[in-house]
């Protein structure tokens, strides 16, 4: 599927979704990739205004998970976390959205003092209220900072025929979980290995296959 280019400062793009015009069920009413970009930017702004972990708490889905480096239920873990004096800063570089517009994934770069890294976040939109909250968040430091693009890349899943639900099996000792958008056009697989290394893979339906659009791999933490 051909990607769209979304200007960083313009958050008014409404992206339609193709498919059979006679099949109303395959057409989202208001698929809007820029809504997820706005949610990510608002999340980052809230971290600067109210504190890093406060922002994570206030924008999280009840079932949200994080990796510290083991998988944890975010709201339980965040209850015990005090906001650091300096909150991390971050910016989205790309957004990937399900056909129906109710699930999305953002990825980009973060900075904190001299350190820099990347992040990926999975978001869910409540189709009744329109509220967007994150359900999976992770990131890691990198030695070479990711450069900010001139435009935020935006890609939406193909509509029409639905893919089969993906079935994956992890290795023995792996902590693996698979998430799937209600319309089955966006999936996210998170695997934490026994050494606490992990891999987060986001896939988007392109009309023929669940194509990988994000594939983050984080090394095992160094032993003290």
C-alpha atoms as a PDB file:
ATOM      1  CA  UNK A   1       0.000   0.000   0.000  1.00  0.00           C
ATOM      2  CA  UNK A   2       1.391   3.399  -0.966  1.00  0.00           C
ATOM      3  CA  UNK A   3       2.291   5.486   2.114  1.00  0.00           C
ATOM      4  CA  UNK A   4       0.893   8.947   2.643  1.00  0.00           C
ATOM      5  CA  UNK A   5       3.076  11.823   3.793  1.00  0.00           C
ATOM      6  CA  UNK A   6       1.752  13.736   6.772  1.00  0.00           C
ATOM      7  CA  UNK A   7       3.284  17.165   7.554  1.00  0.00           C
ATOM      8  CA  UNK A   8       4.472  17.270  11.133  1.00  0.00           C
ATOM      9  CA  UNK A   9       2.600  20.467  11.939  1.00  0.00           C
ATOM     10  CA  UNK A  10      -0.561  19.693   9.990  1.00  0.00           C
ATOM     11  CA  UNK A  11      -2.883  17.404  11.880  1.00  0.00           C
ATOM     12  CA  UNK A  12      -6.000  17.755   9.779  1.00  0.00           C
ATOM     13  CA  UNK A  13      -5.542  14.910   7.264  1.00  0.00           C
ATOM     14  CA  UNK A  14      -8.521  12.608   6.895  1.00  0.00           C
ATOM     15  CA  UNK A  15      -7.501   9.359   5.193  1.00  0.00           C
ATOM     16  CA  UNK A  16     -10.199   7.262   3.573  1.00  0.00           C
ATOM     17  CA  UNK A  17      -9.962   3.518   3.181  1.00  0.00           C
ATOM     18  CA  UNK A  18     -10.503   1.737  -0.131  1.00  0.00           C
ATOM     19  CA  UNK A  19     -12.444  -1.391  -0.846  1.00  0.00           C
ATOM     20  CA  UNK A  20     -15.712  -2.451  -2.384  1.00  0.00           C
ATOM     21  CA  UNK A  21     -18.018   0.575  -2.487  1.00  0.00           C
ATOM     22  CA  UNK A  22     -21.041  -1.653  -2.156  1.00  0.00           C
ATOM     23  CA  UNK A  23     -19.815  -3.193   1.074  1.00  0.00           C
ATOM     24  CA  UNK A  24     -20.569  -0.591   3.742  1.00  0.00           C
ATOM     25  CA  UNK A  25     -19.169  -2.812   6.480  1.00  0.00           C
ATOM     26  CA  UNK A  26     -15.701  -2.556   4.944  1.00  0.00           C
ATOM     27  CA  UNK A  27     -15.609   1.245   4.992  1.00  0.00           C
ATOM     28  CA  UNK A  28     -14.625   3.150   8.156  1.00  0.00           C
ATOM     29  CA  UNK A  29     -16.727   6.179   8.971  1.00  0.00           C
ATOM     30  CA  UNK A  30     -13.867   8.427  10.055  1.00  0.00           C
ATOM     31  CA  UNK A  31     -10.444   6.810   9.767  1.00  0.00           C
ATOM     32  CA  UNK A  32      -7.976   9.517  10.755  1.00  0.00           C
ATOM     33  CA  UNK A  33      -4.256   8.666  11.025  1.00  0.00           C
ATOM     34  CA  UNK A  34      -3.445  12.175  12.233  1.00  0.00           C
ATOM     35  CA  UNK A  35      -5.576  11.592  15.345  1.00  0.00           C
ATOM     36  CA  UNK A  36      -2.964   9.089  16.554  1.00  0.00           C
ATOM     37  CA  UNK A  37      -0.169  11.546  15.778  1.00  0.00           C
ATOM     38  CA  UNK A  38      -2.045  14.182  17.775  1.00  0.00           C
ATOM     39  CA  UNK A  39      -2.445  11.705  20.652  1.00  0.00           C
ATOM     40  CA  UNK A  40       1.297  10.992  20.654  1.00  0.00           C
ATOM     41  CA  UNK A  41       2.207  14.684  20.529  1.00  0.00           C
ATOM     42  CA  UNK A  42      -0.276  15.404  23.321  1.00  0.00           C
ATOM     43  CA  UNK A  43       1.208  12.545  25.357  1.00  0.00           C
ATOM     44  CA  UNK A  44       4.706  14.012  24.970  1.00  0.00           C
ATOM     45  CA  UNK A  45       3.486  17.509  25.869  1.00  0.00           C
ATOM     46  CA  UNK A  46       1.715  16.204  28.967  1.00  0.00           C
ATOM     47  CA  UNK A  47       4.981  14.605  30.139  1.00  0.00           C
ATOM     48  CA  UNK A  48       6.645  18.030  30.065  1.00  0.00           C
ATOM     49  CA  UNK A  49       3.727  19.796  31.732  1.00  0.00           C
ATOM     50  CA  UNK A  50       2.693  17.317  34.432  1.00  0.00           C
ATOM     51  CA  UNK A  51       5.535  14.823  34.723  1.00  0.00           C
ATOM     52  CA  UNK A  52       6.715  11.764  32.854  1.00  0.00           C
ATOM     53  CA  UNK A  53       4.973   8.939  34.721  1.00  0.00           C
ATOM     54  CA  UNK A  54       1.893  11.064  35.366  1.00  0.00           C
ATOM     55  CA  UNK A  55       1.513  11.384  31.603  1.00  0.00           C
ATOM     56  CA  UNK A  56       1.909   7.637  31.157  1.00  0.00           C
ATOM     57  CA  UNK A  57      -0.764   6.974  33.791  1.00  0.00           C
ATOM     58  CA  UNK A  58      -3.276   9.480  32.453  1.00  0.00           C
ATOM     59  CA  UNK A  59      -3.077   8.299  28.835  1.00  0.00           C
ATOM     60  CA  UNK A  60      -2.942   4.535  29.423  1.00  0.00           C
ATOM     61  CA  UNK A  61      -5.575   1.937  28.538  1.00  0.00           C
ATOM     62  CA  UNK A  62      -6.722  -0.231  31.481  1.00  0.00           C
ATOM     63  CA  UNK A  63      -4.968  -3.222  29.854  1.00  0.00           C
ATOM     64  CA  UNK A  64      -1.802  -1.343  28.873  1.00  0.00           C
ATOM     65  CA  UNK A  65       1.570  -3.072  29.173  1.00  0.00           C
ATOM     66  CA  UNK A  66       5.157  -1.809  29.458  1.00  0.00           C
ATOM     67  CA  UNK A  67       8.568  -3.491  29.612  1.00  0.00           C
ATOM     68  CA  UNK A  68      10.950  -2.742  32.501  1.00  0.00           C
ATOM     69  CA  UNK A  69      12.515  -4.947  30.978  1.00  0.00           C
ATOM     70  CA  UNK A  70      10.041  -7.716  31.894  1.00  0.00           C
ATOM     71  CA  UNK A  71       6.440  -7.252  30.796  1.00  0.00           C
ATOM     72  CA  UNK A  72       4.334  -5.471  33.426  1.00  0.00           C
ATOM     73  CA  UNK A  73       0.770  -4.237  33.617  1.00  0.00           C
ATOM     74  CA  UNK A  74       1.371  -0.536  33.179  1.00  0.00           C
ATOM     75  CA  UNK A  75      -1.101   0.917  35.661  1.00  0.00           C
ATOM     76  CA  UNK A  76       0.091  -1.386  38.448  1.00  0.00           C
ATOM     77  CA  UNK A  77       3.753  -0.553  37.829  1.00  0.00           C
ATOM     78  CA  UNK A  78       3.136   3.172  37.417  1.00  0.00           C
ATOM     79  CA  UNK A  79       1.417   3.427  40.808  1.00  0.00           C
ATOM     80  CA  UNK A  80       4.815   3.218  42.511  1.00  0.00           C
ATOM     81  CA  UNK A  81       6.739   5.523  40.165  1.00  0.00           C
ATOM     82  CA  UNK A  82       7.559   9.123  41.084  1.00  0.00           C
ATOM     83  CA  UNK A  83       8.001  11.584  38.235  1.00  0.00           C
ATOM     84  CA  UNK A  84      11.693  12.247  37.474  1.00  0.00           C
ATOM     85  CA  UNK A  85      12.954  15.829  37.708  1.00  0.00           C
ATOM     86  CA  UNK A  86      13.523  15.832  33.946  1.00  0.00           C
ATOM     87  CA  UNK A  87      10.949  14.159  31.741  1.00  0.00           C
ATOM     88  CA  UNK A  88      11.978  12.432  28.542  1.00  0.00           C
ATOM     89  CA  UNK A  89      11.090  14.265  25.314  1.00  0.00           C
ATOM     90  CA  UNK A  90       9.896  12.468  22.206  1.00  0.00           C
ATOM     91  CA  UNK A  91       8.507  12.995  18.699  1.00  0.00           C
ATOM     92  CA  UNK A  92       6.601  10.638  16.352  1.00  0.00           C
ATOM     93  CA  UNK A  93       8.163   9.838  12.970  1.00  0.00           C
ATOM     94  CA  UNK A  94       5.561   7.460  11.509  1.00  0.00           C
ATOM     95  CA  UNK A  95       2.024   6.228  12.129  1.00  0.00           C
ATOM     96  CA  UNK A  96       0.304   3.015  10.978  1.00  0.00           C
ATOM     97  CA  UNK A  97      -3.470   2.669  11.263  1.00  0.00           C
ATOM     98  CA  UNK A  98      -6.002  -0.148  10.947  1.00  0.00           C
ATOM     99  CA  UNK A  99      -8.618  -0.023   8.182  1.00  0.00           C
ATOM    100  CA  UNK A 100     -11.384   1.045  10.555  1.00  0.00           C
ATOM    101  CA  UNK A 101      -9.246   3.740  12.180  1.00  0.00           C
ATOM    102  CA  UNK A 102      -9.730   2.411  15.709  1.00  0.00           C
ATOM    103  CA  UNK A 103      -6.184   1.067  16.237  1.00  0.00           C
ATOM    104  CA  UNK A 104      -2.849   2.645  15.427  1.00  0.00           C
ATOM    105  CA  UNK A 105       0.879   2.390  16.068  1.00  0.00           C
ATOM    106  CA  UNK A 106       3.347   5.260  16.278  1.00  0.00           C
ATOM    107  CA  UNK A 107       7.130   5.150  16.306  1.00  0.00           C
ATOM    108  CA  UNK A 108       9.760   7.827  16.671  1.00  0.00           C
ATOM    109  CA  UNK A 109      12.668   9.189  18.687  1.00  0.00           C
ATOM    110  CA  UNK A 110      13.256  10.320  22.277  1.00  0.00           C
ATOM    111  CA  UNK A 111      15.843  12.458  24.042  1.00  0.00           C
ATOM    112  CA  UNK A 112      16.808  12.949  27.670  1.00  0.00           C
ATOM    113  CA  UNK A 113      19.907  15.002  28.417  1.00  0.00           C
ATOM    114  CA  UNK A 114      22.749  13.519  26.341  1.00  0.00           C
ATOM    115  CA  UNK A 115      20.884  10.232  25.837  1.00  0.00           C
ATOM    116  CA  UNK A 116      18.671   9.425  22.880  1.00  0.00           C
ATOM    117  CA  UNK A 117      16.666   6.461  21.663  1.00  0.00           C
ATOM    118  CA  UNK A 118      13.544   5.228  19.928  1.00  0.00           C
ATOM    119  CA  UNK A 119      10.030   4.252  20.955  1.00  0.00           C
ATOM    120  CA  UNK A 120       6.988   2.490  19.542  1.00  0.00           C
ATOM    121  CA  UNK A 121       3.464   2.818  20.927  1.00  0.00           C
ATOM    122  CA  UNK A 122       0.229   0.995  20.115  1.00  0.00           C
ATOM    123  CA  UNK A 123      -2.984   2.982  20.522  1.00  0.00           C
ATOM    124  CA  UNK A 124      -6.672   2.051  20.723  1.00  0.00           C
ATOM    125  CA  UNK A 125      -9.543   4.413  19.930  1.00  0.00           C
ATOM    126  CA  UNK A 126     -12.881   3.898  21.658  1.00  0.00           C
ATOM    127  CA  UNK A 127     -15.358   3.961  18.739  1.00  0.00           C
ATOM    128  CA  UNK A 128     -18.101   5.321  21.001  1.00  0.00           C
ATOM    129  CA  UNK A 129     -16.310   8.113  22.842  1.00  0.00           C
ATOM    130  CA  UNK A 130     -13.453   8.699  20.429  1.00  0.00           C
ATOM    131  CA  UNK A 131     -10.948   8.588  23.304  1.00  0.00           C
ATOM    132  CA  UNK A 132      -7.498   7.341  22.296  1.00  0.00           C
ATOM    133  CA  UNK A 133      -5.307   5.569  24.860  1.00  0.00           C
ATOM    134  CA  UNK A 134      -2.097   3.572  24.554  1.00  0.00           C
ATOM    135  CA  UNK A 135      -2.117  -0.174  25.181  1.00  0.00           C
ATOM    136  CA  UNK A 136       1.556  -1.019  24.578  1.00  0.00           C
ATOM    137  CA  UNK A 137       4.628   1.162  24.939  1.00  0.00           C
ATOM    138  CA  UNK A 138       8.303   0.369  24.721  1.00  0.00           C
ATOM    139  CA  UNK A 139      11.608   1.865  23.640  1.00  0.00           C
ATOM    140  CA  UNK A 140      15.346   1.728  24.126  1.00  0.00           C
ATOM    141  CA  UNK A 141      18.478   3.836  23.866  1.00  0.00           C
ATOM    142  CA  UNK A 142      20.507   3.890  20.655  1.00  0.00           C
ATOM    143  CA  UNK A 143      24.067   4.999  19.910  1.00  0.00           C
ATOM    144  CA  UNK A 144      23.065   6.962  16.806  1.00  0.00           C
ATOM    145  CA  UNK A 145      20.068   9.262  17.148  1.00  0.00           C
ATOM    146  CA  UNK A 146      17.209   8.806  14.700  1.00  0.00           C
ATOM    147  CA  UNK A 147      16.898  11.864  12.498  1.00  0.00           C
ATOM    148  CA  UNK A 148      13.531  13.574  12.412  1.00  0.00           C
ATOM    149  CA  UNK A 149      11.880  13.274   8.991  1.00  0.00           C
ATOM    150  CA  UNK A 150      10.555  16.264   7.112  1.00  0.00           C
ATOM    151  CA  UNK A 151       7.162  14.586   7.050  1.00  0.00           C
ATOM    152  CA  UNK A 152       5.571  12.017   9.323  1.00  0.00           C
ATOM    153  CA  UNK A 153       4.948   8.876   7.300  1.00  0.00           C
ATOM    154  CA  UNK A 154       1.335   7.680   7.430  1.00  0.00           C
ATOM    155  CA  UNK A 155       0.107   4.327   6.186  1.00  0.00           C
ATOM    156  CA  UNK A 156      -3.343   2.822   6.583  1.00  0.00           C
ATOM    157  CA  UNK A 157      -4.298  -0.832   6.249  1.00  0.00           C
ATOM    158  CA  UNK A 158      -6.149  -2.018   3.162  1.00  0.00           C
ATOM    159  CA  UNK A 159      -9.864  -2.570   3.532  1.00  0.00           C
ATOM    160  CA  UNK A 160     -12.068  -5.175   1.884  1.00  0.00           C
ATOM    161  CA  UNK A 161     -11.362  -8.836   2.560  1.00  0.00           C
ATOM    162  CA  UNK A 162     -10.104  -9.581   6.042  1.00  0.00           C
ATOM    163  CA  UNK A 163      -6.962 -11.602   6.819  1.00  0.00           C
ATOM    164  CA  UNK A 164      -7.004 -14.742   8.909  1.00  0.00           C
ATOM    165  CA  UNK A 165      -6.084 -14.243  12.562  1.00  0.00           C
ATOM    166  CA  UNK A 166      -2.291 -14.734  12.786  1.00  0.00           C
ATOM    167  CA  UNK A 167      -1.092 -17.677  14.839  1.00  0.00           C
ATOM    168  CA  UNK A 168       2.423 -17.513  16.248  1.00  0.00           C
ATOM    169  CA  UNK A 169       4.321 -19.691  18.660  1.00  0.00           C
ATOM    170  CA  UNK A 170       7.157 -18.489  20.864  1.00  0.00           C
ATOM    171  CA  UNK A 171      10.186 -20.486  21.939  1.00  0.00           C
ATOM    172  CA  UNK A 172      10.223 -22.266  25.272  1.00  0.00           C
ATOM    173  CA  UNK A 173      10.714 -19.752  28.051  1.00  0.00           C
ATOM    174  CA  UNK A 174       9.465 -16.803  26.007  1.00  0.00           C
ATOM    175  CA  UNK A 175       6.791 -14.453  27.323  1.00  0.00           C
ATOM    176  CA  UNK A 176       4.851 -13.717  24.139  1.00  0.00           C
ATOM    177  CA  UNK A 177       1.585 -11.903  23.524  1.00  0.00           C
ATOM    178  CA  UNK A 178      -0.263 -11.017  20.318  1.00  0.00           C
ATOM    179  CA  UNK A 179      -2.663  -8.095  19.983  1.00  0.00           C
ATOM    180  CA  UNK A 180      -5.069  -7.621  17.105  1.00  0.00           C
ATOM    181  CA  UNK A 181      -7.268  -4.716  16.057  1.00  0.00           C
ATOM    182  CA  UNK A 182     -10.999  -5.532  16.041  1.00  0.00           C
ATOM    183  CA  UNK A 183     -11.036  -5.494  12.237  1.00  0.00           C
ATOM    184  CA  UNK A 184      -7.910  -7.735  12.129  1.00  0.00           C
ATOM    185  CA  UNK A 185      -5.919  -5.379   9.898  1.00  0.00           C
ATOM    186  CA  UNK A 186      -3.298  -4.303  12.476  1.00  0.00           C
ATOM    187  CA  UNK A 187      -1.472  -6.685  14.787  1.00  0.00           C
ATOM    188  CA  UNK A 188       1.259  -6.337  17.392  1.00  0.00           C
ATOM    189  CA  UNK A 189       3.420  -9.153  18.730  1.00  0.00           C
ATOM    190  CA  UNK A 190       5.584  -8.645  21.805  1.00  0.00           C
ATOM    191  CA  UNK A 191       8.075 -11.249  22.951  1.00  0.00           C
ATOM    192  CA  UNK A 192      10.287 -11.083  26.046  1.00  0.00           C
ATOM    193  CA  UNK A 193      12.962 -13.770  26.018  1.00  0.00           C
ATOM    194  CA  UNK A 194      14.379 -15.478  29.094  1.00  0.00           C
ATOM    195  CA  UNK A 195      17.417 -13.149  29.088  1.00  0.00           C
ATOM    196  CA  UNK A 196      15.019 -10.118  29.097  1.00  0.00           C
ATOM    197  CA  UNK A 197      15.799  -9.162  25.510  1.00  0.00           C
ATOM    198  CA  UNK A 198      12.629  -8.432  23.564  1.00  0.00           C
ATOM    199  CA  UNK A 199      11.127  -7.919  20.143  1.00  0.00           C
ATOM    200  CA  UNK A 200       8.084  -5.859  19.180  1.00  0.00           C
ATOM    201  CA  UNK A 201       6.652  -6.433  15.703  1.00  0.00           C
ATOM    202  CA  UNK A 202       3.790  -4.423  14.190  1.00  0.00           C
ATOM    203  CA  UNK A 203       2.063  -5.744  11.068  1.00  0.00           C
ATOM    204  CA  UNK A 204      -0.419  -4.071   8.727  1.00  0.00           C
ATOM    205  CA  UNK A 205      -2.783  -5.741   6.239  1.00  0.00           C
ATOM    206  CA  UNK A 206      -1.865  -4.638   2.692  1.00  0.00           C
ATOM    207  CA  UNK A 207      -4.624  -6.534   0.897  1.00  0.00           C
ATOM    208  CA  UNK A 208      -2.534  -9.694   0.476  1.00  0.00           C
ATOM    209  CA  UNK A 209      -0.542 -10.230   3.646  1.00  0.00           C
ATOM    210  CA  UNK A 210       0.142  -8.880   7.111  1.00  0.00           C
ATOM    211  CA  UNK A 211       3.205  -6.833   6.176  1.00  0.00           C
ATOM    212  CA  UNK A 212       5.734  -5.898   8.871  1.00  0.00           C
ATOM    213  CA  UNK A 213       5.914  -2.114   9.345  1.00  0.00           C
ATOM    214  CA  UNK A 214       7.768  -1.949  12.690  1.00  0.00           C
ATOM    215  CA  UNK A 215      10.269  -4.515  13.920  1.00  0.00           C
ATOM    216  CA  UNK A 216      12.006  -3.348  17.117  1.00  0.00           C
ATOM    217  CA  UNK A 217      14.603  -5.539  18.787  1.00  0.00           C
ATOM    218  CA  UNK A 218      16.060  -4.699  22.206  1.00  0.00           C
ATOM    219  CA  UNK A 219      19.146  -6.447  23.537  1.00  0.00           C
ATOM    220  CA  UNK A 220      19.285  -8.095  26.955  1.00  0.00           C
ATOM    221  CA  UNK A 221      20.180  -5.653  29.734  1.00  0.00           C
ATOM    222  CA  UNK A 222      23.823  -5.615  30.755  1.00  0.00           C
ATOM    223  CA  UNK A 223      24.611  -7.480  33.918  1.00  0.00           C
ATOM    224  CA  UNK A 224      25.845  -5.264  36.794  1.00  0.00           C
END
